[in-house]
PDB file of N, CA and C in Angstrom:
ATOM      1  N   MET A   1     -20.201   9.710  -0.395  1.00  0.00           N
ATOM      2  CA  MET A   1     -19.781   9.437  -1.756  1.00  0.00           C
ATOM      3  C   MET A   1     -19.333   7.981  -1.879  1.00  0.00           C
ATOM      4  N   ALA A   2     -19.868   7.287  -2.829  1.00  0.00           N
ATOM      5  CA  ALA A   2     -19.493   5.901  -3.063  1.00  0.00           C
ATOM      6  C   ALA A   2     -18.127   5.834  -3.734  1.00  0.00           C
ATOM      7  N   LEU A   3     -17.377   4.812  -3.367  1.00  0.00           N
ATOM      8  CA  LEU A   3     -16.060   4.628  -3.967  1.00  0.00           C
ATOM      9  C   LEU A   3     -16.176   3.981  -5.335  1.00  0.00           C
ATOM     10  N   ILE A   4     -15.231   4.315  -6.187  1.00  0.00           N
ATOM     11  CA  ILE A   4     -15.154   3.721  -7.518  1.00  0.00           C
ATOM     12  C   ILE A   4     -14.101   2.630  -7.473  1.00  0.00           C
ATOM     13  N   GLY A   5     -14.494   1.399  -7.773  1.00  0.00           N
ATOM     14  CA  GLY A   5     -13.559   0.285  -7.812  1.00  0.00           C
ATOM     15  C   GLY A   5     -13.218  -0.269  -6.440  1.00  0.00           C
ATOM     16  N   LYS A   6     -12.370  -1.283  -6.468  1.00  0.00           N
ATOM     17  CA  LYS A   6     -11.934  -1.960  -5.257  1.00  0.00           C
ATOM     18  C   LYS A   6     -10.522  -2.472  -5.495  1.00  0.00           C
ATOM     19  N   VAL A   7      -9.645  -2.241  -4.538  1.00  0.00           N
ATOM     20  CA  VAL A   7      -8.258  -2.675  -4.699  1.00  0.00           C
ATOM     21  C   VAL A   7      -8.049  -4.064  -4.123  1.00  0.00           C
ATOM     22  N   GLY A   8      -8.495  -4.303  -2.922  1.00  0.00           N
ATOM     23  CA  GLY A   8      -8.297  -5.593  -2.277  1.00  0.00           C
ATOM     24  C   GLY A   8      -6.918  -5.713  -1.661  1.00  0.00           C
ATOM     25  N   GLU A   9      -6.712  -6.802  -0.927  1.00  0.00           N
ATOM     26  CA  GLU A   9      -5.437  -7.055  -0.261  1.00  0.00           C
ATOM     27  C   GLU A   9      -4.356  -7.390  -1.277  1.00  0.00           C
ATOM     28  N   TYR A  10      -3.108  -7.100  -0.893  1.00  0.00           N
ATOM     29  CA  TYR A  10      -1.988  -7.496  -1.742  1.00  0.00           C
ATOM     30  C   TYR A  10      -1.751  -8.992  -1.560  1.00  0.00           C
ATOM     31  N   ASP A  11      -1.667  -9.720  -2.667  1.00  0.00           N
ATOM     32  CA  ASP A  11      -1.416 -11.160  -2.653  1.00  0.00           C
ATOM     33  C   ASP A  11      -0.302 -11.451  -3.646  1.00  0.00           C
ATOM     34  N   SER A  12       0.879 -11.754  -3.114  1.00  0.00           N
ATOM     35  CA  SER A  12       2.049 -11.963  -3.968  1.00  0.00           C
ATOM     36  C   SER A  12       1.924 -13.191  -4.864  1.00  0.00           C
ATOM     37  N   SER A  13       0.974 -14.085  -4.574  1.00  0.00           N
ATOM     38  CA  SER A  13       0.795 -15.250  -5.438  1.00  0.00           C
ATOM     39  C   SER A  13       0.003 -14.904  -6.699  1.00  0.00           C
ATOM     40  N   CYS A  14      -0.642 -13.720  -6.704  1.00  0.00           N
ATOM     41  CA  CYS A  14      -1.454 -13.297  -7.845  1.00  0.00           C
ATOM     42  C   CYS A  14      -0.824 -12.187  -8.675  1.00  0.00           C
ATOM     43  N   GLU A  15      -0.038 -11.307  -8.038  1.00  0.00           N
ATOM     44  CA  GLU A  15       0.560 -10.189  -8.765  1.00  0.00           C
ATOM     45  C   GLU A  15       1.790  -9.681  -8.037  1.00  0.00           C
ATOM     46  N   ASP A  16       2.660  -9.025  -8.784  1.00  0.00           N
ATOM     47  CA  ASP A  16       3.827  -8.430  -8.142  1.00  0.00           C
ATOM     48  C   ASP A  16       3.445  -7.080  -7.547  1.00  0.00           C
ATOM     49  N   LEU A  17       4.317  -6.572  -6.698  1.00  0.00           N
ATOM     50  CA  LEU A  17       4.007  -5.334  -5.994  1.00  0.00           C
ATOM     51  C   LEU A  17       3.883  -4.153  -6.943  1.00  0.00           C
ATOM     52  N   SER A  18       4.654  -4.140  -8.005  1.00  0.00           N
ATOM     53  CA  SER A  18       4.571  -3.038  -8.970  1.00  0.00           C
ATOM     54  C   SER A  18       3.184  -2.958  -9.606  1.00  0.00           C
ATOM     55  N   SER A  19       2.612  -4.095  -9.944  1.00  0.00           N
ATOM     56  CA  SER A  19       1.257  -4.114 -10.511  1.00  0.00           C
ATOM     57  C   SER A  19       0.229  -3.658  -9.482  1.00  0.00           C
ATOM     58  N   TYR A  20       0.391  -4.108  -8.255  1.00  0.00           N
ATOM     59  CA  TYR A  20      -0.516  -3.683  -7.184  1.00  0.00           C
ATOM     60  C   TYR A  20      -0.432  -2.175  -6.990  1.00  0.00           C
ATOM     61  N   GLU A  21       0.786  -1.654  -6.999  1.00  0.00           N
ATOM     62  CA  GLU A  21       0.986  -0.212  -6.847  1.00  0.00           C
ATOM     63  C   GLU A  21       0.298   0.557  -7.975  1.00  0.00           C
ATOM     64  N   GLU A  22       0.404   0.062  -9.205  1.00  0.00           N
ATOM     65  CA  GLU A  22      -0.253   0.716 -10.345  1.00  0.00           C
ATOM     66  C   GLU A  22      -1.773   0.745 -10.157  1.00  0.00           C
ATOM     67  N   ARG A  23      -2.340  -0.370  -9.721  1.00  0.00           N
ATOM     68  CA  ARG A  23      -3.791  -0.420  -9.493  1.00  0.00           C
ATOM     69  C   ARG A  23      -4.199   0.515  -8.360  1.00  0.00           C
ATOM     70  N   LEU A  24      -3.379   0.561  -7.323  1.00  0.00           N
ATOM     71  CA  LEU A  24      -3.666   1.435  -6.191  1.00  0.00           C
ATOM     72  C   LEU A  24      -3.608   2.904  -6.603  1.00  0.00           C
ATOM     73  N   GLU A  25      -2.635   3.257  -7.432  1.00  0.00           N
ATOM     74  CA  GLU A  25      -2.535   4.635  -7.932  1.00  0.00           C
ATOM     75  C   GLU A  25      -3.798   5.009  -8.719  1.00  0.00           C
ATOM     76  N   GLN A  26      -4.323   4.085  -9.501  1.00  0.00           N
ATOM     77  CA  GLN A  26      -5.552   4.345 -10.253  1.00  0.00           C
ATOM     78  C   GLN A  26      -6.747   4.490  -9.315  1.00  0.00           C
ATOM     79  N   PHE A  27      -6.758   3.698  -8.254  1.00  0.00           N
ATOM     80  CA  PHE A  27      -7.812   3.820  -7.248  1.00  0.00           C
ATOM     81  C   PHE A  27      -7.759   5.198  -6.594  1.00  0.00           C
ATOM     82  N   PHE A  28      -6.552   5.648  -6.243  1.00  0.00           N
ATOM     83  CA  PHE A  28      -6.385   6.986  -5.659  1.00  0.00           C
ATOM     84  C   PHE A  28      -6.915   8.049  -6.612  1.00  0.00           C
ATOM     85  N   LEU A  29      -6.548   7.944  -7.861  1.00  0.00           N
ATOM     86  CA  LEU A  29      -6.954   8.918  -8.873  1.00  0.00           C
ATOM     87  C   LEU A  29      -8.474   8.925  -9.065  1.00  0.00           C
ATOM     88  N   ALA A  30      -9.048   7.746  -9.235  1.00  0.00           N
ATOM     89  CA  ALA A  30     -10.486   7.632  -9.483  1.00  0.00           C
ATOM     90  C   ALA A  30     -11.324   8.144  -8.312  1.00  0.00           C
ATOM     91  N   ASN A  31     -10.773   8.030  -7.107  1.00  0.00           N
ATOM     92  CA  ASN A  31     -11.526   8.406  -5.916  1.00  0.00           C
ATOM     93  C   ASN A  31     -11.068   9.718  -5.286  1.00  0.00           C
ATOM     94  N   GLY A  32     -10.175  10.412  -5.960  1.00  0.00           N
ATOM     95  CA  GLY A  32      -9.727  11.710  -5.461  1.00  0.00           C
ATOM     96  C   GLY A  32      -9.019  11.642  -4.119  1.00  0.00           C
ATOM     97  N   VAL A  33      -8.272  10.548  -3.896  1.00  0.00           N
ATOM     98  CA  VAL A  33      -7.549  10.399  -2.632  1.00  0.00           C
ATOM     99  C   VAL A  33      -6.336  11.326  -2.658  1.00  0.00           C
ATOM    100  N   LYS A  34      -6.334  12.283  -1.766  1.00  0.00           N
ATOM    101  CA  LYS A  34      -5.248  13.260  -1.688  1.00  0.00           C
ATOM    102  C   LYS A  34      -4.007  12.618  -1.071  1.00  0.00           C
ATOM    103  N   THR A  35      -2.860  13.221  -1.328  1.00  0.00           N
ATOM    104  CA  THR A  35      -1.574  12.709  -0.859  1.00  0.00           C
ATOM    105  C   THR A  35      -1.567  12.442   0.644  1.00  0.00           C
ATOM    106  N   ASP A  36      -2.156  13.321   1.414  1.00  0.00           N
ATOM    107  CA  ASP A  36      -2.122  13.179   2.873  1.00  0.00           C
ATOM    108  C   ASP A  36      -2.972  12.013   3.393  1.00  0.00           C
ATOM    109  N   ARG A  37      -3.786  11.414   2.532  1.00  0.00           N
ATOM    110  CA  ARG A  37      -4.623  10.277   2.944  1.00  0.00           C
ATOM    111  C   ARG A  37      -4.162   8.954   2.344  1.00  0.00           C
ATOM    112  N   ARG A  38      -3.157   8.988   1.492  1.00  0.00           N
ATOM    113  CA  ARG A  38      -2.718   7.763   0.812  1.00  0.00           C
ATOM    114  C   ARG A  38      -2.188   6.707   1.768  1.00  0.00           C
ATOM    115  N   VAL A  39      -1.442   7.119   2.781  1.00  0.00           N
ATOM    116  CA  VAL A  39      -0.924   6.150   3.750  1.00  0.00           C
ATOM    117  C   VAL A  39      -2.080   5.439   4.442  1.00  0.00           C
ATOM    118  N   ALA A  40      -3.055   6.188   4.895  1.00  0.00           N
ATOM    119  CA  ALA A  40      -4.198   5.591   5.600  1.00  0.00           C
ATOM    120  C   ALA A  40      -4.955   4.609   4.708  1.00  0.00           C
ATOM    121  N   VAL A  41      -5.188   4.987   3.467  1.00  0.00           N
ATOM    122  CA  VAL A  41      -5.888   4.093   2.540  1.00  0.00           C
ATOM    123  C   VAL A  41      -5.035   2.857   2.260  1.00  0.00           C
ATOM    124  N   PHE A  42      -3.768   3.053   1.964  1.00  0.00           N
ATOM    125  CA  PHE A  42      -2.853   1.949   1.674  1.00  0.00           C
ATOM    126  C   PHE A  42      -2.812   0.953   2.831  1.00  0.00           C
ATOM    127  N   LEU A  43      -2.614   1.450   4.047  1.00  0.00           N
ATOM    128  CA  LEU A  43      -2.533   0.562   5.206  1.00  0.00           C
ATOM    129  C   LEU A  43      -3.857  -0.138   5.480  1.00  0.00           C
ATOM    130  N   SER A  44      -4.946   0.466   5.069  1.00  0.00           N
ATOM    131  CA  SER A  44      -6.272  -0.125   5.269  1.00  0.00           C
ATOM    132  C   SER A  44      -6.581  -1.247   4.290  1.00  0.00           C
ATOM    133  N   VAL A  45      -5.954  -1.227   3.118  1.00  0.00           N
ATOM    134  CA  VAL A  45      -6.310  -2.215   2.093  1.00  0.00           C
ATOM    135  C   VAL A  45      -5.277  -3.317   1.868  1.00  0.00           C
ATOM    136  N   ILE A  46      -4.031  -3.161   2.337  1.00  0.00           N
ATOM    137  CA  ILE A  46      -2.989  -4.133   1.976  1.00  0.00           C
ATOM    138  C   ILE A  46      -3.154  -5.499   2.615  1.00  0.00           C
ATOM    139  N   GLY A  47      -3.903  -5.590   3.703  1.00  0.00           N
ATOM    140  CA  GLY A  47      -4.118  -6.876   4.354  1.00  0.00           C
ATOM    141  C   GLY A  47      -3.158  -7.103   5.513  1.00  0.00           C
ATOM    142  N   ALA A  48      -3.536  -8.026   6.390  1.00  0.00           N
ATOM    143  CA  ALA A  48      -2.795  -8.283   7.624  1.00  0.00           C
ATOM    144  C   ALA A  48      -1.387  -8.811   7.372  1.00  0.00           C
ATOM    145  N   LYS A  49      -1.238  -9.706   6.421  1.00  0.00           N
ATOM    146  CA  LYS A  49       0.072 -10.309   6.152  1.00  0.00           C
ATOM    147  C   LYS A  49       1.073  -9.249   5.690  1.00  0.00           C
ATOM    148  N   THR A  50       0.689  -8.442   4.720  1.00  0.00           N
ATOM    149  CA  THR A  50       1.588  -7.415   4.194  1.00  0.00           C
ATOM    150  C   THR A  50       1.811  -6.319   5.222  1.00  0.00           C
ATOM    151  N   TYR A  51       0.779  -5.970   5.972  1.00  0.00           N
ATOM    152  CA  TYR A  51       0.930  -4.963   7.025  1.00  0.00           C
ATOM    153  C   TYR A  51       1.943  -5.439   8.067  1.00  0.00           C
ATOM    154  N   GLY A  52       1.842  -6.694   8.473  1.00  0.00           N
ATOM    155  CA  GLY A  52       2.779  -7.257   9.450  1.00  0.00           C
ATOM    156  C   GLY A  52       4.208  -7.244   8.937  1.00  0.00           C
ATOM    157  N   LEU A  53       4.387  -7.600   7.663  1.00  0.00           N
ATOM    158  CA  LEU A  53       5.716  -7.564   7.057  1.00  0.00           C
ATOM    159  C   LEU A  53       6.254  -6.143   7.053  1.00  0.00           C
ATOM    160  N   LEU A  54       5.447  -5.225   6.610  1.00  0.00           N
ATOM    161  CA  LEU A  54       5.848  -3.820   6.541  1.00  0.00           C
ATOM    162  C   LEU A  54       6.227  -3.297   7.926  1.00  0.00           C
ATOM    163  N   LYS A  55       5.423  -3.626   8.896  1.00  0.00           N
ATOM    164  CA  LYS A  55       5.681  -3.186  10.268  1.00  0.00           C
ATOM    165  C   LYS A  55       7.026  -3.714  10.767  1.00  0.00           C
ATOM    166  N   SER A  56       7.323  -4.975  10.468  1.00  0.00           N
ATOM    167  CA  SER A  56       8.592  -5.558  10.913  1.00  0.00           C
ATOM    168  C   SER A  56       9.792  -4.945  10.185  1.00  0.00           C
ATOM    169  N   LEU A  57       9.582  -4.497   8.953  1.00  0.00           N
ATOM    170  CA  LEU A  57      10.677  -3.923   8.166  1.00  0.00           C
ATOM    171  C   LEU A  57      11.065  -2.517   8.603  1.00  0.00           C
ATOM    172  N   ILE A  58      10.130  -1.787   9.196  1.00  0.00           N
ATOM    173  CA  ILE A  58      10.435  -0.397   9.554  1.00  0.00           C
ATOM    174  C   ILE A  58      10.509  -0.158  11.062  1.00  0.00           C
ATOM    175  N   MET A  59      10.452  -1.221  11.846  1.00  0.00           N
ATOM    176  CA  MET A  59      10.547  -1.071  13.301  1.00  0.00           C
ATOM    177  C   MET A  59      11.813  -0.312  13.658  1.00  0.00           C
ATOM    178  N   PRO A  60      11.800   0.551  14.631  1.00  0.00           N
ATOM    179  CA  PRO A  60      10.769   0.818  15.629  1.00  0.00           C
ATOM    180  C   PRO A  60       9.713   1.834  15.179  1.00  0.00           C
ATOM    181  N   ASP A  61       9.831   2.339  13.959  1.00  0.00           N
ATOM    182  CA  ASP A  61       8.828   3.286  13.466  1.00  0.00           C
ATOM    183  C   ASP A  61       7.505   2.569  13.205  1.00  0.00           C
ATOM    184  N   LYS A  62       6.441   3.346  13.152  1.00  0.00           N
ATOM    185  CA  LYS A  62       5.124   2.819  12.804  1.00  0.00           C
ATOM    186  C   LYS A  62       4.850   3.128  11.339  1.00  0.00           C
ATOM    187  N   PRO A  63       4.153   2.245  10.639  1.00  0.00           N
ATOM    188  CA  PRO A  63       3.824   2.517   9.235  1.00  0.00           C
ATOM    189  C   PRO A  63       3.118   3.854   9.033  1.00  0.00           C
ATOM    190  N   SER A  64       2.277   4.236   9.967  1.00  0.00           N
ATOM    191  CA  SER A  64       1.529   5.491   9.834  1.00  0.00           C
ATOM    192  C   SER A  64       2.415   6.730   9.944  1.00  0.00           C
ATOM    193  N   GLU A  65       3.658   6.555  10.375  1.00  0.00           N
ATOM    194  CA  GLU A  65       4.598   7.672  10.502  1.00  0.00           C
ATOM    195  C   GLU A  65       5.406   7.901   9.226  1.00  0.00           C
ATOM    196  N   LYS A  66       5.249   7.032   8.255  1.00  0.00           N
ATOM    197  CA  LYS A  66       6.002   7.121   7.000  1.00  0.00           C
ATOM    198  C   LYS A  66       5.118   7.678   5.892  1.00  0.00           C
ATOM    199  N   THR A  67       5.752   8.107   4.811  1.00  0.00           N
ATOM    200  CA  THR A  67       4.990   8.546   3.643  1.00  0.00           C
ATOM    201  C   THR A  67       4.614   7.321   2.814  1.00  0.00           C
ATOM    202  N   TYR A  68       3.669   7.511   1.928  1.00  0.00           N
ATOM    203  CA  TYR A  68       3.267   6.436   1.016  1.00  0.00           C
ATOM    204  C   TYR A  68       4.467   5.959   0.197  1.00  0.00           C
ATOM    205  N   ASP A  69       5.239   6.896  -0.341  1.00  0.00           N
ATOM    206  CA  ASP A  69       6.403   6.534  -1.156  1.00  0.00           C
ATOM    207  C   ASP A  69       7.442   5.759  -0.350  1.00  0.00           C
ATOM    208  N   GLU A  70       7.652   6.141   0.898  1.00  0.00           N
ATOM    209  CA  GLU A  70       8.603   5.416   1.748  1.00  0.00           C
ATOM    210  C   GLU A  70       8.138   3.985   1.981  1.00  0.00           C
ATOM    211  N   LEU A  71       6.856   3.803   2.231  1.00  0.00           N
ATOM    212  CA  LEU A  71       6.320   2.464   2.481  1.00  0.00           C
ATOM    213  C   LEU A  71       6.439   1.576   1.248  1.00  0.00           C
ATOM    214  N   ILE A  72       6.089   2.113   0.093  1.00  0.00           N
ATOM    215  CA  ILE A  72       6.189   1.346  -1.151  1.00  0.00           C
ATOM    216  C   ILE A  72       7.640   0.967  -1.429  1.00  0.00           C
ATOM    217  N   THR A  73       8.558   1.895  -1.217  1.00  0.00           N
ATOM    218  CA  THR A  73       9.981   1.638  -1.462  1.00  0.00           C
ATOM    219  C   THR A  73      10.493   0.511  -0.575  1.00  0.00           C
ATOM    220  N   VAL A  74      10.130   0.531   0.697  1.00  0.00           N
ATOM    221  CA  VAL A  74      10.553  -0.518   1.631  1.00  0.00           C
ATOM    222  C   VAL A  74      10.020  -1.874   1.179  1.00  0.00           C
ATOM    223  N   LEU A  75       8.755  -1.930   0.811  1.00  0.00           N
ATOM    224  CA  LEU A  75       8.172  -3.198   0.364  1.00  0.00           C
ATOM    225  C   LEU A  75       8.797  -3.681  -0.938  1.00  0.00           C
ATOM    226  N   LYS A  76       9.036  -2.778  -1.874  1.00  0.00           N
ATOM    227  CA  LYS A  76       9.634  -3.171  -3.153  1.00  0.00           C
ATOM    228  C   LYS A  76      11.015  -3.777  -2.955  1.00  0.00           C
ATOM    229  N   LYS A  77      11.805  -3.205  -2.061  1.00  0.00           N
ATOM    230  CA  LYS A  77      13.153  -3.724  -1.805  1.00  0.00           C
ATOM    231  C   LYS A  77      13.096  -5.157  -1.300  1.00  0.00           C
ATOM    232  N   THR A  78      12.057  -5.488  -0.572  1.00  0.00           N
ATOM    233  CA  THR A  78      11.925  -6.827  -0.008  1.00  0.00           C
ATOM    234  C   THR A  78      11.201  -7.792  -0.946  1.00  0.00           C
ATOM    235  N   LEU A  79      10.108  -7.353  -1.535  1.00  0.00           N
ATOM    236  CA  LEU A  79       9.257  -8.256  -2.310  1.00  0.00           C
ATOM    237  C   LEU A  79       9.637  -8.383  -3.782  1.00  0.00           C
ATOM    238  N   ASP A  80      10.226  -7.355  -4.351  1.00  0.00           N
ATOM    239  CA  ASP A  80      10.571  -7.401  -5.774  1.00  0.00           C
ATOM    240  C   ASP A  80      12.035  -7.740  -6.014  1.00  0.00           C
ATOM    241  N   SER A  81      12.714  -8.242  -4.977  1.00  0.00           N
ATOM    242  CA  SER A  81      14.140  -8.553  -5.162  1.00  0.00           C
ATOM    243  C   SER A  81      14.357  -9.997  -5.539  1.00  0.00           C
TER     244      SER A  81
END
């Protein structure tokens, strides 16, 4: 099945995290991404820079061990403050 749309990496110079989250939610909806796969999709599309930041914020845990909502909350506290 072909995917509908493209999210791309998060780039704070182009949009805030809330806008990125809104676009990502629409991508999930359009492509039928179930809750249990959202973390995998999110971590696959956010890009190396944001992934590295996220990883450093939740150490010693791994990003894949958290829920999508937990990951977004951690990033929002750092990037939208």
